[in-house]
Protein backbone atom coordinates (compact mmCIF):
# COMPACT_ATOMS: atom_id res chain seq x y z
CA UNK A 1 -52.44 -38.64 130.93
CA UNK A 2 -54.86 -37.86 128.14
CA UNK A 3 -53.12 -34.56 127.63
CA UNK A 4 -49.77 -36.33 127.50
CA UNK A 5 -51.19 -38.80 125.01
CA UNK A 6 -52.49 -35.98 122.91
CA UNK A 7 -49.14 -34.23 123.07
CA UNK A 8 -47.44 -37.53 122.28
CA UNK A 9 -49.77 -38.09 119.34
CA UNK A 10 -49.19 -34.57 118.15
CA UNK A 11 -45.42 -35.00 118.50
CA UNK A 12 -45.64 -38.37 116.75
CA UNK A 13 -47.69 -36.85 113.98
CA UNK A 14 -45.28 -33.98 113.78
CA UNK A 15 -42.41 -36.49 113.76
CA UNK A 16 -44.06 -38.41 110.98
CA UNK A 17 -44.60 -35.19 109.08
CA UNK A 18 -40.99 -34.22 109.66
CA UNK A 19 -39.88 -37.76 108.73
CA UNK A 20 -41.94 -37.51 105.50
CA UNK A 21 -40.50 -34.08 104.86
CA UNK A 22 -37.03 -35.39 105.67
CA UNK A 23 -37.59 -38.28 103.29
CA UNK A 24 -38.83 -35.90 100.60
CA UNK A 25 -35.86 -33.64 101.28
CA UNK A 26 -33.56 -36.65 101.22
CA UNK A 27 -35.05 -37.77 97.90
CA UNK A 28 -34.78 -34.26 96.61
CA UNK A 29 -31.20 -34.04 97.85
CA UNK A 30 -30.39 -37.35 96.17
CA UNK A 31 -31.97 -36.08 93.00
CA UNK A 32 -30.03 -32.85 93.28
CA UNK A 33 -26.82 -34.80 93.90
CA UNK A 34 -27.59 -36.91 90.90
CA UNK A 35 -28.15 -33.80 88.81
CA UNK A 36 -25.01 -32.21 90.25
CA UNK A 37 -23.02 -35.33 89.43
CA UNK A 38 -24.40 -35.31 85.92
CA UNK A 39 -23.66 -31.62 85.58
CA UNK A 40 -20.22 -32.18 87.04
CA UNK A 41 -19.58 -34.93 84.54
CA UNK A 42 -20.86 -32.66 81.80
CA UNK A 43 -18.70 -29.84 83.11
CA UNK A 44 -15.67 -32.14 83.23
CA UNK A 45 -16.44 -33.23 79.71
CA UNK A 46 -16.84 -29.62 78.69
CA UNK A 47 -13.60 -28.71 80.45
CA UNK A 48 -11.82 -31.53 78.68
CA UNK A 49 -13.29 -30.40 75.41
CA UNK A 50 -12.34 -26.83 76.27
CA UNK A 51 -8.80 -27.95 76.95
CA UNK A 52 -8.78 -29.85 73.67
CA UNK A 53 -10.23 -26.83 71.93
CA UNK A 54 -7.64 -24.62 73.65
CA UNK A 55 -4.89 -26.93 72.46
CA UNK A 56 -6.45 -26.94 69.01
CA UNK A 57 -6.75 -23.14 69.14
CA UNK A 58 -3.09 -22.88 70.14
CA UNK A 59 -2.17 -25.15 67.25
CA UNK A 60 -4.37 -23.09 64.96
CA UNK A 61 -2.77 -19.89 66.26
CA UNK A 62 0.66 -21.38 65.55
CA UNK A 63 -0.55 -22.40 62.09
CA UNK A 64 -2.00 -18.91 61.58
CA UNK A 65 1.28 -17.34 62.69
CA UNK A 66 3.15 -19.64 60.33
CA UNK A 67 0.66 -18.79 57.59
CA UNK A 68 1.04 -15.08 58.36
CA UNK A 69 4.82 -15.44 58.25
CA UNK A 70 4.63 -17.44 55.05
CA UNK A 71 2.13 -14.94 53.67
CA UNK A 72 4.48 -12.08 54.55
CA UNK A 73 7.37 -13.91 52.90
CA UNK A 74 5.24 -14.65 49.87
CA UNK A 75 4.15 -11.02 49.75
CA UNK A 76 7.79 -9.93 49.91
CA UNK A 77 8.62 -12.47 47.22
CA UNK A 78 5.62 -11.30 45.23
CA UNK A 79 6.77 -7.69 45.55
CA UNK A 80 10.29 -8.63 44.46
CA UNK A 81 8.87 -10.65 41.56
CA UNK A 82 6.59 -7.74 40.66
CA UNK A 83 9.54 -5.33 40.75
CA UNK A 84 11.59 -7.72 38.65
CA UNK A 85 8.64 -8.11 36.29
CA UNK A 86 8.32 -4.32 35.99
CA UNK A 87 12.07 -4.06 35.39
CA UNK A 88 11.93 -6.78 32.76
CA UNK A 89 8.89 -5.11 31.22
CA UNK A 90 10.83 -1.84 31.01
CA UNK A 91 13.82 -3.65 29.52
CA UNK A 92 11.50 -5.45 27.12
CA UNK A 93 9.95 -2.16 26.01
CA UNK A 94 13.41 -0.64 25.58
CA UNK A 95 14.55 -3.70 23.63
CA UNK A 96 11.43 -3.46 21.47
CA UNK A 97 12.15 0.22 20.81
CA UNK A 98 15.79 -0.54 19.98
CA UNK A 99 14.71 -3.44 17.78
CA UNK A 100 12.16 -1.25 15.99
CA UNK A 101 14.85 1.41 15.47
CA UNK A 102 17.24 -1.25 14.15
CA UNK A 103 14.55 -2.60 11.84
CA UNK A 104 13.93 0.93 10.56
CA UNK A 105 17.66 1.49 10.00
CA UNK A 106 17.95 -1.87 8.25
CA UNK A 107 14.95 -1.05 6.10
CA UNK A 108 16.46 2.31 5.14
CA UNK A 109 19.83 0.70 4.43
CA UNK A 110 18.15 -2.03 2.38
CA UNK A 111 16.27 0.62 0.41
CA UNK A 112 19.54 2.51 -0.11
CA UNK A 113 21.31 -0.67 -1.19
CA UNK A 114 18.41 -1.64 -3.46
CA UNK A 115 18.48 1.81 -5.03
CA UNK A 116 22.27 1.56 -5.37
CA UNK A 117 22.02 -1.92 -6.90
CA UNK A 118 19.28 -0.75 -9.26
CA UNK A 119 21.40 2.27 -10.23
CA UNK A 120 24.45 0.04 -10.56
CA UNK A 121 22.54 -2.39 -12.81
CA UNK A 122 21.21 0.55 -14.82
CA UNK A 123 24.73 1.94 -15.17
CA UNK A 124 26.00 -1.49 -16.22
CA UNK A 125 23.24 -1.68 -18.82
CA UNK A 126 24.10 1.84 -19.97
CA UNK A 127 27.76 0.86 -20.17
CA UNK A 128 26.86 -2.22 -22.21
CA UNK A 129 24.74 -0.12 -24.56
CA UNK A 130 27.48 2.50 -24.71
CA UNK A 131 30.07 -0.15 -25.54
CA UNK A 132 27.80 -1.44 -28.30
CA UNK A 133 27.26 2.11 -29.52
CA UNK A 134 31.01 2.78 -29.37
CA UNK A 135 31.65 -0.34 -31.42
CA UNK A 136 29.02 0.79 -33.91
CA UNK A 137 30.54 4.29 -34.01
CA UNK A 138 34.02 2.84 -34.49
CA UNK A 139 32.72 0.70 -37.32
CA UNK A 140 30.99 3.68 -38.89
CA UNK A 141 34.13 5.78 -38.31
CA UNK A 142 36.21 3.15 -40.11
CA UNK A 143 33.72 3.18 -42.96
CA UNK A 144 33.79 6.99 -42.94
CA UNK A 145 37.60 6.94 -42.96
CA UNK A 146 37.57 4.62 -45.95
CA UNK A 147 35.06 6.85 -47.67
CA UNK A 148 37.08 9.90 -46.66
CA UNK A 149 40.12 8.38 -48.33
CA UNK A 150 38.05 7.97 -51.49
CA UNK A 151 36.85 11.57 -51.11
CA UNK A 152 40.42 12.78 -50.67
CA UNK A 153 41.39 10.91 -53.84
CA UNK A 154 38.45 12.50 -55.63
CA UNK A 155 39.43 15.90 -54.28
CA UNK A 156 42.95 15.31 -55.64
CA UNK A 157 41.43 14.35 -58.97
CA UNK A 158 39.24 17.48 -58.90
CA UNK A 159 42.21 19.67 -58.08
CA UNK A 160 44.24 18.02 -60.86
CA UNK A 161 41.40 18.44 -63.35
CA UNK A 162 40.93 22.04 -62.22
CA UNK A 163 44.64 22.65 -62.70
CA UNK A 164 44.53 21.03 -66.13
CA UNK A 165 41.46 23.11 -66.98
CA UNK A 166 43.23 26.27 -65.89
CA UNK A 167 46.32 25.32 -67.95
CA UNK A 168 44.21 24.61 -70.98
CA UNK A 169 42.26 27.83 -70.43
CA UNK A 170 45.51 29.77 -70.21
CA UNK A 171 46.70 28.11 -73.40
CA UNK A 172 43.43 28.89 -75.13
CA UNK A 173 43.55 32.49 -73.95
CA UNK A 174 47.17 32.85 -75.04
CA UNK A 175 46.43 31.30 -78.41
CA UNK A 176 43.36 33.50 -78.78
CA UNK A 177 45.37 36.63 -78.06
CA UNK A 178 48.08 35.47 -80.42
CA UNK A 179 45.52 34.76 -83.08
CA UNK A 180 43.88 38.14 -82.66
CA UNK A 181 47.24 39.94 -83.01
CA UNK A 182 47.62 40.95 -86.68
CA UNK A 183 51.36 41.10 -86.37
CA UNK A 184 51.67 37.53 -85.17
CA UNK A 185 53.03 35.09 -87.71
CA UNK A 186 51.31 32.25 -85.94
CA UNK A 187 47.96 33.67 -86.86
CA UNK A 188 48.39 32.49 -90.39
CA UNK A 189 49.80 29.11 -89.50
CA UNK A 190 47.60 26.18 -89.98
CA UNK A 191 46.58 24.73 -86.62
CA UNK A 192 46.79 21.01 -86.41
CA UNK A 193 44.00 19.04 -84.95
CA UNK A 194 40.32 19.70 -84.97
CA UNK A 195 37.88 21.49 -82.80
CA UNK A 196 35.72 19.18 -80.74
CA UNK A 197 32.06 18.94 -81.48
CA UNK A 198 30.06 21.40 -79.32
CA UNK A 199 27.60 18.71 -78.33
CA UNK A 200 30.47 16.48 -77.25
CA UNK A 201 31.94 19.35 -75.25
CA UNK A 202 28.58 20.03 -73.63
CA UNK A 203 28.13 16.35 -72.73
CA UNK A 204 31.64 16.17 -71.30
CA UNK A 205 31.15 19.38 -69.30
CA UNK A 206 27.76 18.18 -68.08
CA UNK A 207 29.23 14.80 -67.06
CA UNK A 208 32.10 16.48 -65.24
CA UNK A 209 29.73 18.90 -63.51
CA UNK A 210 27.48 16.05 -62.35
CA UNK A 211 30.49 14.13 -61.12
CA UNK A 212 31.75 17.20 -59.32
CA UNK A 213 28.31 17.82 -57.72
CA UNK A 214 28.05 14.16 -56.66
CA UNK A 215 31.47 14.17 -55.10
CA UNK A 216 30.74 17.49 -53.36
CA UNK A 217 27.53 16.05 -51.91
CA UNK A 218 29.41 12.96 -50.76
CA UNK A 219 32.01 15.20 -49.10
CA UNK A 220 29.26 17.16 -47.33
CA UNK A 221 27.61 13.91 -46.14
CA UNK A 222 30.92 12.56 -44.87
CA UNK A 223 31.58 15.84 -43.03
CA UNK A 224 28.10 15.68 -41.46
CA UNK A 225 28.66 12.06 -40.44
CA UNK A 226 32.01 12.95 -38.93
CA UNK A 227 30.43 15.82 -36.99
CA UNK A 228 27.64 13.49 -35.77
CA UNK A 229 30.19 10.88 -34.69
CA UNK A 230 32.21 13.55 -32.92
CA UNK A 231 29.07 14.68 -31.10
CA UNK A 232 28.24 11.09 -30.08
CA UNK A 233 31.80 10.55 -28.87
CA UNK A 234 31.54 13.73 -26.77
CA UNK A 235 28.21 12.56 -25.29
CA UNK A 236 29.68 9.15 -24.51
CA UNK A 237 32.65 10.76 -22.80
CA UNK A 238 30.28 12.90 -20.69
CA UNK A 239 28.16 9.84 -19.79
CA UNK A 240 31.25 7.86 -18.85
CA UNK A 241 32.41 10.78 -16.70
CA UNK A 242 29.08 10.62 -14.82
CA UNK A 243 29.32 6.87 -14.19
CA UNK A 244 29.93 5.73 -10.58
CA UNK A 245 33.58 5.40 -9.82
CA UNK A 246 35.56 3.32 -7.30
CA UNK A 247 34.43 5.62 -4.47
CA UNK A 248 30.76 4.72 -5.06
CA UNK A 249 31.59 1.00 -5.24
CA UNK A 250 33.62 1.29 -2.02
CA UNK A 251 30.73 3.11 -0.34
CA UNK A 252 28.34 0.36 -1.49
CA UNK A 253 30.66 -2.28 0.02
CA UNK A 254 30.79 -0.32 3.29
CA UNK A 255 26.97 -0.14 3.33
CA UNK A 256 26.75 -3.90 2.75
CA UNK A 257 29.19 -4.56 5.61
CA UNK A 258 27.18 -2.22 7.88
CA UNK A 259 24.01 -4.06 6.89
CA UNK A 260 25.56 -7.44 7.73
CA UNK A 261 26.80 -6.12 11.08
CA UNK A 262 23.37 -4.61 11.81
CA UNK A 263 21.66 -7.90 10.91
CA UNK A 264 23.98 -9.74 13.31
CA UNK A 265 23.19 -7.24 16.09
CA UNK A 266 19.46 -7.60 15.34
CA UNK A 267 19.72 -11.38 15.65
CA UNK A 268 21.44 -10.97 19.04
CA UNK A 269 18.75 -8.52 20.17
CA UNK A 270 16.03 -10.90 18.97
CA UNK A 271 17.61 -13.75 20.98
CA UNK A 272 17.83 -11.54 24.08
CA UNK A 273 14.23 -10.46 23.52
CA UNK A 274 13.06 -14.07 23.29
CA UNK A 275 14.95 -14.94 26.49
CA UNK A 276 13.47 -11.92 28.27
CA UNK A 277 9.98 -12.82 27.04
CA UNK A 278 10.42 -16.41 28.29
CA UNK A 279 11.68 -15.20 31.67
CA UNK A 280 8.81 -12.72 31.85
CA UNK A 281 6.30 -15.50 31.14
CA UNK A 282 7.88 -17.64 33.89
CA UNK A 283 7.71 -14.75 36.36
CA UNK A 284 4.11 -14.08 35.38
CA UNK A 285 3.22 -17.73 35.96
CA UNK A 286 5.06 -17.69 39.33
CA UNK A 287 3.21 -14.50 40.34
CA UNK A 288 -0.14 -16.10 39.44
CA UNK A 289 0.78 -19.19 41.48
CA UNK A 290 1.73 -17.02 44.48
CA UNK A 291 -1.57 -15.15 44.18
CA UNK A 292 -3.46 -18.45 44.23
CA UNK A 293 -1.49 -19.61 47.29
CA UNK A 294 -2.17 -16.31 49.06
CA UNK A 295 -5.89 -16.59 48.29
CA UNK A 296 -5.93 -20.21 49.50
CA UNK A 297 -4.10 -19.22 52.72
CA UNK A 298 -6.54 -16.38 53.34
CA UNK A 299 -9.47 -18.72 52.77
CA UNK A 300 -8.07 -21.26 55.26
CA UNK A 301 -7.37 -18.48 57.75
CA UNK A 302 -10.94 -17.17 57.50
CA UNK A 303 -12.35 -20.71 57.84
CA UNK A 304 -10.25 -21.29 60.99
CA UNK A 305 -11.39 -17.98 62.44
CA UNK A 306 -15.02 -18.86 61.73
CA UNK A 307 -14.60 -22.32 63.33
CA UNK A 308 -12.88 -20.73 66.38
CA UNK A 309 -15.67 -18.19 66.72
CA UNK A 310 -18.25 -20.97 66.48
CA UNK A 311 -16.42 -23.04 69.13
CA UNK A 312 -16.21 -20.00 71.40
CA UNK A 313 -19.94 -19.41 71.03
CA UNK A 314 -20.70 -23.08 71.76
CA UNK A 315 -18.50 -23.01 74.87
CA UNK A 316 -20.17 -19.83 76.08
CA UNK A 317 -23.61 -21.31 75.57
CA UNK A 318 -22.70 -24.50 77.46
CA UNK A 319 -21.19 -22.58 80.37
CA UNK A 320 -24.31 -20.46 80.50
CA UNK A 321 -26.47 -23.60 80.56
CA UNK A 322 -24.35 -25.16 83.34
CA UNK A 323 -24.47 -21.98 85.40
CA UNK A 324 -28.21 -21.72 84.90
CA UNK A 325 -28.67 -25.35 85.90
CA UNK A 326 -26.63 -24.85 89.09
């Protein structure tokens, strides 16, 4: 009986120990269940957040795809705008070259026209001076003609006086020969009249000689003036022959018409150049705006990638913690 009691006491003690262990295990199991429930709730929360993040990631992927598509379209548009800008730049350079060439041609034509106008004004001034000189020469020629008429009258007088002198000389010579002939009956005739005083004859001869010398000098001066006027008339005829004729005036009119037409073309080119410059500025502004949009899209894309990477790291860390806790 004592042995049975001892065995019973041992079994009871063992039962109590097992009951205490069972209670401890039960408490531990309850604690573990509580932890598991908490972890399960956390895992459910994490799963829900993962699903939300997955949905958000899908939305972000769609947005990224849309951004990539829009970026590609904007790049294509940017390339087309760049090509158009390059084409407009080339056209602008060509227009500038053509405009510079036109300006150079206009400058040369203006210089030619200015030289022609200056020459034309100089020729007009020469013509005016020549007309004045011609009038002066005509006036002097009229005076010379009047004086020449006086000279011709004097020459007639000189010839008449010379003829009278020759007649009187012939008479004197004939009378002298008749007087020297001893056989002539007239030698002894009394000659009527009287011999002039020698001093009076000398004065008359001297006066006539001075008059003849004066008239001869006047004739020489008139001849020299006539020769000078003839030389001036010849020079004037040569100068008038060198003056610009109708052909030069017609050429000047053609140059003026060409200049007007060139100025009109230059104005058209300047208008086209201004329009091209305005369009080029608009394209440049549009290209800058597209660059800014591309940079902004890239920045948003990189921010989304960084946020996705951070979410992925957080999810990995939480799953690792849950696994480690289990």
